[in-house]
Amino acid sequence: MRKIFTAVTAAAFALSAAACNTVEGAGEDLQSASNEVEEEI
């Protein structure tokens, strides 16, 4: 039972870390795009 709990906890941690990286990357992409538009104006 303890091994299952450890595996589930590790999987949840990995998924949450991946989600944070994805959201952070998307935010950086939007920031970069807005900077490009701002320079053109």
PDB file of N, CA and C in Angstrom:
ATOM      1  N   MET A   1       0.824  -1.196   0.000  1.00  0.00           N
ATOM      2  CA  MET A   1       0.000   0.000   0.000  1.00  0.00           C
ATOM      3  C   MET A   1       0.868   1.260   0.000  1.00  0.00           C
ATOM      4  N   ARG A   2       1.972   1.196   0.726  1.00  0.00           N
ATOM      5  CA  ARG A   2       2.849   2.363   0.806  1.00  0.00           C
ATOM      6  C   ARG A   2       3.492   2.669  -0.549  1.00  0.00           C
ATOM      7  N   LYS A   3       3.821   1.621  -1.311  1.00  0.00           N
ATOM      8  CA  LYS A   3       4.426   1.820  -2.626  1.00  0.00           C
ATOM      9  C   LYS A   3       3.442   2.502  -3.574  1.00  0.00           C
ATOM     10  N   ILE A   4       2.196   2.116  -3.488  1.00  0.00           N
ATOM     11  CA  ILE A   4       1.170   2.731  -4.340  1.00  0.00           C
ATOM     12  C   ILE A   4       1.028   4.204  -3.998  1.00  0.00           C
ATOM     13  N   PHE A   5       0.975   4.515  -2.714  1.00  0.00           N
ATOM     14  CA  PHE A   5       0.856   5.910  -2.284  1.00  0.00           C
ATOM     15  C   PHE A   5       2.049   6.732  -2.770  1.00  0.00           C
ATOM     16  N   THR A   6       3.242   6.178  -2.653  1.00  0.00           N
ATOM     17  CA  THR A   6       4.449   6.876  -3.100  1.00  0.00           C
ATOM     18  C   THR A   6       4.414   7.107  -4.611  1.00  0.00           C
ATOM     19  N   ALA A   7       3.983   6.110  -5.361  1.00  0.00           N
ATOM     20  CA  ALA A   7       3.905   6.245  -6.810  1.00  0.00           C
ATOM     21  C   ALA A   7       2.889   7.308  -7.217  1.00  0.00           C
ATOM     22  N   VAL A   8       1.740   7.311  -6.563  1.00  0.00           N
ATOM     23  CA  VAL A   8       0.701   8.297  -6.881  1.00  0.00           C
ATOM     24  C   VAL A   8       1.185   9.703  -6.529  1.00  0.00           C
ATOM     25  N   THR A   9       1.843   9.844  -5.408  1.00  0.00           N
ATOM     26  CA  THR A   9       2.361  11.151  -4.997  1.00  0.00           C
ATOM     27  C   THR A   9       3.420  11.649  -5.980  1.00  0.00           C
ATOM     28  N   ALA A  10       4.321  10.766  -6.388  1.00  0.00           N
ATOM     29  CA  ALA A  10       5.358  11.150  -7.347  1.00  0.00           C
ATOM     30  C   ALA A  10       4.743  11.544  -8.689  1.00  0.00           C
ATOM     31  N   ALA A  11       3.736  10.822  -9.133  1.00  0.00           N
ATOM     32  CA  ALA A  11       3.078  11.146 -10.400  1.00  0.00           C
ATOM     33  C   ALA A  11       2.370  12.496 -10.318  1.00  0.00           C
ATOM     34  N   ALA A  12       1.710  12.761  -9.213  1.00  0.00           N
ATOM     35  CA  ALA A  12       1.021  14.042  -9.042  1.00  0.00           C
ATOM     36  C   ALA A  12       2.022  15.194  -9.041  1.00  0.00           C
ATOM     37  N   PHE A  13       3.150  14.999  -8.374  1.00  0.00           N
ATOM     38  CA  PHE A  13       4.182  16.035  -8.338  1.00  0.00           C
ATOM     39  C   PHE A  13       4.739  16.288  -9.743  1.00  0.00           C
ATOM     40  N   ALA A  14       5.003  15.233 -10.486  1.00  0.00           N
ATOM     41  CA  ALA A  14       5.544  15.377 -11.837  1.00  0.00           C
ATOM     42  C   ALA A  14       4.559  16.104 -12.752  1.00  0.00           C
ATOM     43  N   LEU A  15       3.296  15.761 -12.658  1.00  0.00           N
ATOM     44  CA  LEU A  15       2.293  16.423 -13.497  1.00  0.00           C
ATOM     45  C   LEU A  15       2.137  17.895 -13.139  1.00  0.00           C
ATOM     46  N   SER A  16       2.161  18.206 -11.855  1.00  0.00           N
ATOM     47  CA  SER A  16       2.021  19.605 -11.459  1.00  0.00           C
ATOM     48  C   SER A  16       3.231  20.416 -11.879  1.00  0.00           C
ATOM     49  N   ALA A  17       4.415  19.837 -11.815  1.00  0.00           N
ATOM     50  CA  ALA A  17       5.619  20.541 -12.257  1.00  0.00           C
ATOM     51  C   ALA A  17       5.576  20.776 -13.760  1.00  0.00           C
ATOM     52  N   ALA A  18       5.121  19.807 -14.511  1.00  0.00           N
ATOM     53  CA  ALA A  18       5.020  19.961 -15.962  1.00  0.00           C
ATOM     54  C   ALA A  18       3.999  21.033 -16.324  1.00  0.00           C
ATOM     55  N   ALA A  19       2.902  21.086 -15.604  1.00  0.00           N
ATOM     56  CA  ALA A  19       1.878  22.096 -15.867  1.00  0.00           C
ATOM     57  C   ALA A  19       2.416  23.491 -15.598  1.00  0.00           C
ATOM     58  N   CYS A  20       3.168  23.659 -14.534  1.00  0.00           N
ATOM     59  CA  CYS A  20       3.742  24.968 -14.224  1.00  0.00           C
ATOM     60  C   CYS A  20       4.703  25.403 -15.318  1.00  0.00           C
ATOM     61  N   ASN A  21       5.514  24.499 -15.797  1.00  0.00           N
ATOM     62  CA  ASN A  21       6.451  24.848 -16.859  1.00  0.00           C
ATOM     63  C   ASN A  21       5.720  25.246 -18.127  1.00  0.00           C
ATOM     64  N   THR A  22       4.641  24.561 -18.421  1.00  0.00           N
ATOM     65  CA  THR A  22       3.878  24.869 -19.626  1.00  0.00           C
ATOM     66  C   THR A  22       3.247  26.249 -19.529  1.00  0.00           C
ATOM     67  N   VAL A  23       2.648  26.554 -18.388  1.00  0.00           N
ATOM     68  CA  VAL A  23       2.011  27.861 -18.199  1.00  0.00           C
ATOM     69  C   VAL A  23       3.064  28.962 -18.218  1.00  0.00           C
ATOM     70  N   GLU A  24       4.208  28.716 -17.593  1.00  0.00           N
ATOM     71  CA  GLU A  24       5.275  29.717 -17.587  1.00  0.00           C
ATOM     72  C   GLU A  24       5.779  29.965 -19.007  1.00  0.00           C
ATOM     73  N   GLY A  25       5.947  28.905 -19.770  1.00  0.00           N
ATOM     74  CA  GLY A  25       6.398  29.043 -21.156  1.00  0.00           C
ATOM     75  C   GLY A  25       5.402  29.805 -22.004  1.00  0.00           C
ATOM     76  N   ALA A  26       4.127  29.529 -21.805  1.00  0.00           N
ATOM     77  CA  ALA A  26       3.090  30.238 -22.555  1.00  0.00           C
ATOM     78  C   ALA A  26       3.100  31.718 -22.192  1.00  0.00           C
ATOM     79  N   GLY A  27       3.297  32.019 -20.917  1.00  0.00           N
ATOM     80  CA  GLY A  27       3.368  33.419 -20.485  1.00  0.00           C
ATOM     81  C   GLY A  27       4.547  34.139 -21.115  1.00  0.00           C
ATOM     82  N   GLU A  28       5.685  33.461 -21.196  1.00  0.00           N
ATOM     83  CA  GLU A  28       6.867  34.057 -21.836  1.00  0.00           C
ATOM     84  C   GLU A  28       6.619  34.295 -23.322  1.00  0.00           C
ATOM     85  N   ASP A  29       5.942  33.366 -23.980  1.00  0.00           N
ATOM     86  CA  ASP A  29       5.636  33.527 -25.401  1.00  0.00           C
ATOM     87  C   ASP A  29       4.726  34.730 -25.622  1.00  0.00           C
ATOM     88  N   LEU A  30       3.717  34.876 -24.777  1.00  0.00           N
ATOM     89  CA  LEU A  30       2.811  36.020 -24.907  1.00  0.00           C
ATOM     90  C   LEU A  30       3.544  37.333 -24.651  1.00  0.00           C
ATOM     91  N   GLN A  31       4.439  37.333 -23.673  1.00  0.00           N
ATOM     92  CA  GLN A  31       5.215  38.539 -23.378  1.00  0.00           C
ATOM     93  C   GLN A  31       6.088  38.916 -24.567  1.00  0.00           C
ATOM     94  N   SER A  32       6.717  37.932 -25.169  1.00  0.00           N
ATOM     95  CA  SER A  32       7.568  38.179 -26.330  1.00  0.00           C
ATOM     96  C   SER A  32       6.758  38.727 -27.496  1.00  0.00           C
ATOM     97  N   ALA A  33       5.594  38.144 -27.731  1.00  0.00           N
ATOM     98  CA  ALA A  33       4.740  38.612 -28.826  1.00  0.00           C
ATOM     99  C   ALA A  33       4.267  40.042 -28.577  1.00  0.00           C
ATOM    100  N   SER A  34       3.913  40.346 -27.347  1.00  0.00           N
ATOM    101  CA  SER A  34       3.441  41.710 -27.054  1.00  0.00           C
ATOM    102  C   SER A  34       4.575  42.721 -27.208  1.00  0.00           C
ATOM    103  N   ASN A  35       5.796  42.319 -26.872  1.00  0.00           N
ATOM    104  CA  ASN A  35       6.936  43.212 -27.064  1.00  0.00           C
ATOM    105  C   ASN A  35       7.169  43.501 -28.545  1.00  0.00           C
ATOM    106  N   GLU A  36       7.024  42.482 -29.393  1.00  0.00           N
ATOM    107  CA  GLU A  36       7.194  42.662 -30.829  1.00  0.00           C
ATOM    108  C   GLU A  36       6.137  43.620 -31.386  1.00  0.00           C
ATOM    109  N   VAL A  37       4.899  43.443 -30.947  1.00  0.00           N
ATOM    110  CA  VAL A  37       3.824  44.312 -31.416  1.00  0.00           C
ATOM    111  C   VAL A  37       4.068  45.744 -30.946  1.00  0.00           C
ATOM    112  N   GLU A  38       4.506  45.872 -29.715  1.00  0.00           N
ATOM    113  CA  GLU A  38       4.772  47.196 -29.156  1.00  0.00           C
ATOM    114  C   GLU A  38       5.876  47.919 -29.939  1.00  0.00           C
ATOM    115  N   GLU A  39       6.903  47.187 -30.349  1.00  0.00           N
ATOM    116  CA  GLU A  39       7.991  47.784 -31.137  1.00  0.00           C
ATOM    117  C   GLU A  39       7.516  48.243 -32.500  1.00  0.00           C
ATOM    118  N   GLU A  40       6.571  47.500 -33.095  1.00  0.00           N
ATOM    119  CA  GLU A  40       6.061  47.853 -34.416  1.00  0.00           C
ATOM    120  C   GLU A  40       5.182  49.099 -34.371  1.00  0.00           C
ATOM    121  N   ILE A  41       4.550  49.323 -33.228  1.00  0.00           N
ATOM    122  CA  ILE A  41       3.652  50.489 -33.099  1.00  0.00           C
ATOM    123  C   ILE A  41       4.500  51.661 -32.769  1.00  0.00           C
TER     124      ILE A  41
END
